[in-house]
Amino acid sequence: MTAADSSSKYFRILEMYLRLLDGEKITRKGEAERYGVDVRSIQRDIDALRAFLDGQSSGGFTQHVVYDYRERGYILRGNTKDLTREEALALCKILLESRAFTKQEMGSVVDKIIRSAVPRREIAPVQQLVNNEKQYYEELQHHDEALLQKVWAIGDAVSSQWTLSIRYERRDGQIVKRLVKPLSIMFSEFYFYLIAEMADPEEAGLARKDYHFPTVYRLDRIRSFEVKEPFRVDYSHRFQSGEVRKRILYMFGGSLSHILFEYTTMDNVAHVLDRLPTAKIEKEELLEDGHRRYTISAEVYGLAGIRLWIRSQGPQIRVLAPEQLVREMEDELRQTLALYTGRSTHVRKKK
C-alpha cells in the first residue's frame, strides 16, 4: 500500500465518522461510489472504525457503528453530539435573552454551540432562527470585556479553595479591598455573582457580626483579584449553592427570614411559587367577588430582594410577617403616595 493510498483510507474513515456523527446513514455501495474504491475497501474502513470506537469506552464515552436493518445501512449509536438541534436552539435563545456577555463574546459562544451540536445539514436553519437576535443584540452598559476568563479563573479558585484578595467597585463608585473565601458563582438578572465569606471582616474595618452570611459580589465590578493561601471548608458545613438559590432574590444577601403574605388574584399563584421556590400555600379562600386569596409562607435571605418583588405585585399582595417587613412596606407606600398626592395637588391648582 502506498503512502497516498494510506492517506486516502484515513481520510475516508474520518469523513465517514463525521457524517455518522451528523446522524447520516452510510452504505458500503454508496461509499464505494463516493470514493471510487471497491466495496471490500469500504468494509475494511468500517471494520477499522468499529474496532477503534469499541476500544474507547472509558469515561462514559460509548459509540458503536452498527448495521440497522430497517435503514439498510450503518449508523452510529451511543454518544453522538451532546445536544440536539432543539436543545441547541433553546440554549442559544436563553443565552441571548440573558445578555450575559459582550456582543463579541455572545456571538462567538452562540456560533460554537450551533457548530458543535447541530448536524451540518441543519446548521443553516438553526442559524437563521437566531441571526436576527444576534444582529440586534444589545450588551449591557457596564460589561466586563474579560468576563469569560474571570468566570473561569474565579471558578477555579472556588473549586480549589483558594482565598482571593479582590479590589471591588461598590455601587457608589468607591474601590474597596477585601480578602474573601470564594464559595460559589451564580448568575441572575443579567450578571454573574461571586458568593464569598469575608476571611477577616475586622481587618477591613467591618463588624464581624454583620458578616455571618456570605457576601455577594458582582463579577464585573471586581476590578482585579489575586490568589492567596488555600482555605479549608468543613464538608458537613459546606456552602450549598442550590439551597441558597431557592431563598435569594435579585442576589441580595442577608439573614434567613420567614415571611408570610396574602395574595389575591383571579388566577392561580403558580408564578408566585416559581419565583419563591420555598413558598408554601398555607390557606386558600374563595372571596365573594370570585377572587381567591392565598396565604403563603416562604423563606428568603434578607428583606431587600423580597421587598423589590413585593413592589412589583401591586395591590394583589399584603405582607403579614415579619413585622419589620410590614413596617418597611408601609413606609415605602406612604412615600410613594406622597409623591403622587403632591403631583395631583399641583395639577389641580394649575387648572
Protein backbone atom coordinates (compact mmCIF):
# COMPACT_ATOMS: atom_id res chain seq x y z
CA MET A 1 0.00 0.00 0.00
CA THR A 2 1.44 3.37 -0.97
CA ALA A 3 1.56 6.43 1.28
CA ALA A 4 -1.15 8.03 -0.86
CA ASP A 5 -3.41 5.02 -0.50
CA SER A 6 -2.90 5.02 3.25
CA SER A 7 -3.70 8.73 3.47
CA SER A 8 -6.83 8.23 1.36
CA LYS A 9 -8.01 5.43 3.63
CA TYR A 10 -7.63 7.54 6.77
CA PHE A 11 -9.39 10.42 5.06
CA ARG A 12 -12.32 8.16 4.15
CA ILE A 13 -12.61 6.84 7.70
CA LEU A 14 -12.56 10.32 9.25
CA GLU A 15 -15.09 11.69 6.79
CA MET A 16 -17.42 8.73 7.30
CA TYR A 17 -17.17 9.23 11.06
CA LEU A 18 -18.08 12.91 10.76
CA ARG A 19 -21.14 12.05 8.68
CA LEU A 20 -22.15 9.37 11.15
CA LEU A 21 -21.86 11.99 13.92
CA ASP A 22 -24.28 14.14 11.93
CA GLY A 23 -26.79 11.31 12.06
CA GLU A 24 -26.30 10.15 8.48
CA LYS A 25 -26.57 6.55 7.32
CA ILE A 26 -23.74 5.09 5.25
CA THR A 27 -23.78 2.05 2.98
CA ARG A 28 -20.90 0.08 1.54
CA LYS A 29 -22.12 0.55 -2.02
CA GLY A 30 -22.75 4.27 -1.59
CA GLU A 31 -19.34 4.91 -0.01
CA ALA A 32 -17.60 2.82 -2.68
CA GLU A 33 -19.18 5.01 -5.36
CA ARG A 34 -18.37 8.20 -3.45
CA TYR A 35 -14.65 7.42 -3.15
CA GLY A 36 -14.14 5.32 -6.27
CA VAL A 37 -13.00 2.19 -4.44
CA ASP A 38 -14.38 -1.32 -4.20
CA VAL A 39 -16.90 -2.42 -1.58
CA ARG A 40 -14.30 -4.55 0.25
CA SER A 41 -12.17 -1.45 0.94
CA ILE A 42 -15.17 0.31 2.47
CA GLN A 43 -15.92 -2.75 4.59
CA ARG A 44 -12.35 -2.69 5.91
CA ASP A 45 -12.74 1.03 6.68
CA ILE A 46 -15.95 0.37 8.61
CA ASP A 47 -14.35 -2.52 10.49
CA ALA A 48 -11.39 -0.32 11.47
CA LEU A 49 -13.72 2.45 12.69
CA ARG A 50 -15.83 -0.03 14.66
CA ALA A 51 -12.74 -1.54 16.29
CA PHE A 52 -11.43 1.89 17.26
CA LEU A 53 -14.73 3.07 18.81
CA ASP A 54 -15.23 -0.21 20.66
CA GLY A 55 -11.93 0.42 22.42
CA GLN A 56 -12.89 3.92 23.59
CA SER A 57 -15.49 3.00 26.20
CA SER A 58 -13.79 4.69 29.18
CA GLY A 59 -15.12 7.86 30.84
CA GLY A 60 -18.70 7.32 29.77
CA PHE A 61 -17.85 7.52 26.05
CA THR A 62 -19.84 4.83 24.26
CA GLN A 63 -20.15 4.90 20.49
CA HIS A 64 -20.72 1.95 18.21
CA VAL A 65 -21.15 1.65 14.46
CA VAL A 66 -24.00 -0.81 13.91
CA TYR A 67 -25.91 -2.08 10.91
CA ASP A 68 -29.54 -1.00 11.00
CA TYR A 69 -31.60 -3.48 9.00
CA ARG A 70 -34.56 -1.13 8.83
CA GLU A 71 -32.41 1.69 7.43
CA ARG A 72 -30.34 -0.76 5.38
CA GLY A 73 -27.13 0.93 6.32
CA TYR A 74 -24.62 1.67 9.06
CA ILE A 75 -25.46 4.23 11.72
CA LEU A 76 -23.84 5.50 14.91
CA ARG A 77 -25.33 4.51 18.25
CA GLY A 78 -24.46 5.96 21.65
CA ASN A 79 -22.98 9.40 22.31
CA THR A 80 -23.12 11.46 19.15
CA LYS A 81 -23.32 15.21 19.52
CA ASP A 82 -24.09 16.25 23.05
CA LEU A 83 -27.05 18.47 22.14
CA THR A 84 -29.93 18.02 19.76
CA ARG A 85 -30.76 20.83 17.35
CA GLU A 86 -33.80 21.65 19.51
CA GLU A 87 -31.67 21.84 22.66
CA ALA A 88 -29.02 23.93 20.90
CA LEU A 89 -31.64 26.40 19.63
CA ALA A 90 -33.30 26.71 23.05
CA LEU A 91 -29.92 27.21 24.75
CA CYS A 92 -28.93 29.93 22.26
CA LYS A 93 -32.25 31.72 22.79
CA ILE A 94 -31.78 31.64 26.57
CA LEU A 95 -28.21 32.92 26.29
CA LEU A 96 -29.20 35.81 24.03
CA GLU A 97 -32.02 36.77 26.39
CA SER A 98 -29.67 36.69 29.38
CA ARG A 99 -27.41 39.41 27.89
CA ALA A 100 -24.67 37.83 29.98
CA PHE A 101 -21.73 38.65 27.69
CA THR A 102 -20.41 41.32 25.38
CA LYS A 103 -21.72 41.25 21.82
CA GLN A 104 -18.48 39.73 20.56
CA GLU A 105 -18.41 37.04 23.25
CA MET A 106 -22.08 36.22 22.80
CA GLY A 107 -21.76 35.84 19.05
CA SER A 108 -18.78 33.55 19.45
CA VAL A 109 -20.47 31.36 22.10
CA VAL A 110 -23.72 31.04 20.13
CA ASP A 111 -21.88 30.13 16.92
CA LYS A 112 -19.80 27.50 18.71
CA ILE A 113 -22.86 25.90 20.29
CA ILE A 114 -24.54 25.63 16.90
CA ARG A 115 -21.48 24.32 15.06
CA SER A 116 -20.58 21.77 17.72
CA ALA A 117 -24.08 20.47 18.47
CA VAL A 118 -26.14 20.72 15.31
CA PRO A 119 -25.74 18.31 12.36
CA ARG A 120 -24.07 20.08 9.46
CA ARG A 121 -27.08 19.84 7.18
CA GLU A 122 -29.22 21.60 9.81
CA ILE A 123 -26.81 24.37 10.86
CA ALA A 124 -28.17 26.94 8.40
CA PRO A 125 -31.84 26.69 9.55
CA VAL A 126 -30.82 27.00 13.20
CA GLN A 127 -28.57 29.96 12.46
CA GLN A 128 -31.45 31.69 10.66
CA LEU A 129 -33.57 31.36 13.80
CA VAL A 130 -31.02 33.22 15.94
CA ASN A 131 -29.39 35.60 13.44
CA ASN A 132 -31.90 38.42 13.97
CA GLU A 133 -31.38 38.40 17.73
CA LYS A 134 -27.61 38.26 17.25
CA GLN A 135 -27.73 41.25 14.89
CA TYR A 136 -29.74 43.42 17.27
CA TYR A 137 -28.16 42.14 20.47
CA GLU A 138 -27.54 44.94 22.97
CA GLU A 139 -24.82 44.30 25.51
CA LEU A 140 -25.09 45.80 28.98
CA GLN A 141 -23.69 49.25 29.64
CA HIS A 142 -21.01 48.14 32.07
CA HIS A 143 -19.92 44.83 30.63
CA ASP A 144 -16.54 43.37 31.52
CA GLU A 145 -14.55 42.60 28.38
CA ALA A 146 -12.72 39.72 30.07
CA LEU A 147 -15.78 38.23 31.75
CA LEU A 148 -15.39 34.66 30.48
CA GLN A 149 -11.78 34.46 31.66
CA LYS A 150 -12.76 35.96 35.01
CA VAL A 151 -15.61 33.47 35.49
CA TRP A 152 -13.21 30.59 34.83
CA ALA A 153 -10.36 31.90 36.99
CA ILE A 154 -12.57 32.68 39.99
CA GLY A 155 -14.47 29.43 39.47
CA ASP A 156 -11.14 27.61 39.66
CA ALA A 157 -10.43 29.35 42.99
CA VAL A 158 -13.85 28.19 44.22
CA SER A 159 -13.22 24.54 43.34
CA SER A 160 -9.60 24.60 44.55
CA GLN A 161 -10.48 26.54 47.74
CA TRP A 162 -8.01 29.40 47.32
CA THR A 163 -8.51 32.66 49.21
CA LEU A 164 -8.84 35.71 46.96
CA SER A 165 -7.73 39.28 47.51
CA ILE A 166 -10.11 41.41 45.41
CA ARG A 167 -10.39 45.08 44.52
CA TYR A 168 -14.13 45.70 44.28
CA GLU A 169 -16.05 48.73 42.98
CA ARG A 170 -19.12 49.38 45.10
CA ARG A 171 -22.31 50.91 43.73
CA ASP A 172 -21.19 54.33 44.94
CA GLY A 173 -18.03 54.03 42.83
CA GLN A 174 -15.67 53.56 45.77
CA ILE A 175 -12.98 50.89 45.37
CA VAL A 176 -12.53 48.65 48.41
CA LYS A 177 -10.12 45.80 49.06
CA ARG A 178 -11.43 42.54 50.50
CA LEU A 179 -9.87 39.21 51.43
CA VAL A 180 -12.52 36.55 50.78
CA LYS A 181 -13.09 32.82 50.73
CA PRO A 182 -14.88 32.15 47.41
CA LEU A 183 -17.78 29.72 47.79
CA SER A 184 -19.80 29.78 44.55
CA ILE A 185 -20.51 31.59 41.30
CA MET A 186 -24.13 32.30 40.38
CA PHE A 187 -25.91 34.03 37.52
CA SER A 188 -29.02 36.16 38.00
CA GLU A 189 -30.72 39.10 36.28
CA PHE A 190 -28.04 39.82 33.62
CA TYR A 191 -24.97 39.38 35.85
CA PHE A 192 -22.58 36.79 37.28
CA TYR A 193 -22.01 36.97 41.03
CA LEU A 194 -19.39 35.66 43.41
CA ILE A 195 -20.71 34.36 46.73
CA ALA A 196 -17.91 34.56 49.29
CA GLU A 197 -17.18 34.75 53.00
CA MET A 198 -15.08 37.55 54.41
CA ALA A 199 -11.82 35.98 55.53
CA ASP A 200 -11.37 38.63 58.22
CA PRO A 201 -14.05 41.38 58.35
CA GLU A 202 -12.35 43.17 61.26
CA GLU A 203 -9.15 43.60 59.23
CA ALA A 204 -11.24 45.55 56.69
CA GLY A 205 -12.71 47.68 59.48
CA LEU A 206 -16.05 45.88 59.44
CA ALA A 207 -18.05 44.33 62.26
CA ARG A 208 -17.85 40.53 62.23
CA LYS A 209 -21.46 40.25 63.44
CA ASP A 210 -22.66 41.91 60.23
CA TYR A 211 -20.98 39.33 58.01
CA HIS A 212 -22.23 35.97 59.26
CA PHE A 213 -23.95 35.44 55.88
CA PRO A 214 -21.77 35.18 52.74
CA THR A 215 -21.39 38.43 50.83
CA VAL A 216 -22.48 38.84 47.20
CA TYR A 217 -20.07 40.47 44.73
CA ARG A 218 -20.95 41.26 41.12
CA LEU A 219 -18.17 39.78 39.00
CA ASP A 220 -17.91 42.67 36.54
CA ARG A 221 -17.26 45.02 39.49
CA ILE A 222 -14.25 43.00 40.64
CA ARG A 223 -11.56 45.22 39.13
CA SER A 224 -8.70 42.87 39.94
CA PHE A 225 -8.02 39.85 42.10
CA GLU A 226 -5.07 37.86 43.37
CA VAL A 227 -4.97 34.25 44.51
CA LYS A 228 -3.71 33.85 48.06
CA GLU A 229 -3.37 30.95 50.50
CA PRO A 230 -5.69 27.92 50.50
CA PHE A 231 -8.52 27.58 52.99
CA ARG A 232 -10.39 24.57 54.32
CA VAL A 233 -14.12 24.02 54.50
CA ASP A 234 -15.78 21.54 56.81
CA TYR A 235 -17.57 19.19 54.40
CA SER A 236 -20.55 18.87 56.70
CA HIS A 237 -20.97 22.68 56.69
CA ARG A 238 -20.06 23.33 53.07
CA PHE A 239 -21.88 26.04 51.14
CA GLN A 240 -24.98 24.70 49.37
CA SER A 241 -25.49 26.99 46.39
CA GLY A 242 -28.66 25.16 45.33
CA GLU A 243 -30.30 25.81 48.69
CA VAL A 244 -29.24 29.47 48.63
CA ARG A 245 -30.61 29.83 45.09
CA LYS A 246 -34.07 28.89 46.39
CA ARG A 247 -34.02 31.62 49.01
CA ILE A 248 -32.24 34.59 47.44
CA LEU A 249 -33.94 37.20 45.25
CA TYR A 250 -32.10 39.58 42.92
CA MET A 251 -28.86 38.49 44.63
CA PHE A 252 -29.47 40.47 47.84
CA GLY A 253 -27.97 38.64 50.81
CA GLY A 254 -28.84 38.75 54.49
CA SER A 255 -30.02 36.59 57.35
CA LEU A 256 -32.59 33.88 56.78
CA SER A 257 -36.09 35.34 57.20
CA HIS A 258 -39.53 33.73 57.32
CA ILE A 259 -42.18 35.75 55.52
CA LEU A 260 -45.96 35.45 55.40
CA PHE A 261 -48.24 37.27 52.97
CA GLU A 262 -51.67 37.22 51.38
CA TYR A 263 -52.01 37.12 47.60
CA THR A 264 -55.36 37.90 45.96
CA THR A 265 -55.97 37.00 42.33
CA MET A 266 -58.47 35.65 39.79
CA ASP A 267 -55.78 33.26 38.53
CA ASN A 268 -53.67 30.64 40.26
CA VAL A 269 -50.43 31.52 42.03
CA ALA A 270 -48.08 29.28 40.04
CA HIS A 271 -45.94 32.31 39.11
CA VAL A 272 -45.52 33.13 42.81
CA LEU A 273 -44.41 29.59 43.62
CA ASP A 274 -42.00 29.73 40.66
CA ARG A 275 -40.45 32.98 41.91
CA LEU A 276 -40.24 31.73 45.51
CA PRO A 277 -39.24 28.03 45.40
CA THR A 278 -39.60 27.69 49.20
CA ALA A 279 -43.16 29.09 49.17
CA LYS A 280 -46.00 27.05 50.63
CA ILE A 281 -49.72 27.77 50.42
CA GLU A 282 -50.93 27.83 54.00
CA LYS A 283 -54.54 28.78 53.27
CA GLU A 284 -56.83 29.34 50.27
CA GLU A 285 -60.10 31.30 50.41
CA LEU A 286 -62.77 31.97 47.77
CA LEU A 287 -64.00 35.57 48.07
CA GLU A 288 -67.48 36.85 47.25
CA ASP A 289 -66.30 38.66 44.11
CA GLY A 290 -64.85 35.44 42.65
CA HIS A 291 -61.24 36.21 43.54
CA ARG A 292 -59.13 33.78 45.53
CA ARG A 293 -57.00 34.85 48.47
CA TYR A 294 -53.95 32.71 49.24
CA THR A 295 -51.97 32.89 52.45
CA ILE A 296 -48.39 31.97 51.55
CA SER A 297 -45.25 31.44 53.63
CA ALA A 298 -41.66 31.36 52.37
CA GLU A 299 -38.02 31.52 53.47
CA VAL A 300 -35.72 34.16 51.99
CA TYR A 301 -32.28 35.55 52.68
CA GLY A 302 -32.57 39.18 53.72
CA LEU A 303 -35.51 41.50 53.08
CA ALA A 304 -34.16 43.76 50.33
CA GLY A 305 -34.77 41.29 47.50
CA ILE A 306 -38.24 40.22 48.58
CA ARG A 307 -39.19 43.86 49.09
CA LEU A 308 -38.36 44.59 45.44
CA TRP A 309 -40.51 41.69 44.28
CA ILE A 310 -43.43 42.70 46.53
CA ARG A 311 -43.42 46.18 44.99
CA SER A 312 -43.89 44.67 41.55
CA GLN A 313 -47.09 42.87 42.62
CA GLY A 314 -49.13 45.99 43.42
CA PRO A 315 -52.35 45.69 45.48
CA GLN A 316 -52.54 41.93 44.95
CA ILE A 317 -50.19 41.33 47.87
CA ARG A 318 -50.32 42.20 51.58
CA VAL A 319 -47.43 41.36 53.89
CA LEU A 320 -48.35 39.81 57.24
CA ALA A 321 -44.92 39.00 58.71
CA PRO A 322 -42.26 39.70 59.75
CA GLU A 323 -43.18 42.95 61.42
CA GLN A 324 -40.03 44.67 60.14
CA LEU A 325 -41.03 43.99 56.54
CA VAL A 326 -44.60 45.16 57.22
CA ARG A 327 -43.30 48.49 58.56
CA GLU A 328 -40.86 48.93 55.67
CA MET A 329 -43.61 48.34 53.10
CA GLU A 330 -45.95 50.76 54.89
CA ASP A 331 -43.24 53.46 54.91
CA GLU A 332 -42.44 52.96 51.22
CA LEU A 333 -46.10 53.10 50.22
CA ARG A 334 -46.62 56.32 52.20
CA GLN A 335 -43.60 57.90 50.50
CA THR A 336 -44.81 56.78 47.07
CA LEU A 337 -48.33 58.05 47.72
CA ALA A 338 -46.92 61.41 48.87
CA LEU A 339 -45.14 61.79 45.52
CA TYR A 340 -48.37 61.27 43.57
CA THR A 341 -50.53 63.21 46.03
CA GLY A 342 -48.24 66.22 45.69
CA ARG A 343 -48.40 65.98 41.92
CA SER A 344 -52.23 65.77 41.91
CA THR A 345 -52.49 68.86 44.15
CA HIS A 346 -50.15 70.79 41.89
CA VAL A 347 -52.17 69.87 38.77
CA ARG A 348 -55.49 70.93 40.39
CA LYS A 349 -54.07 74.31 41.39
CA LYS A 350 -52.72 74.85 37.88
CA LYS A 351 -56.17 74.24 36.40
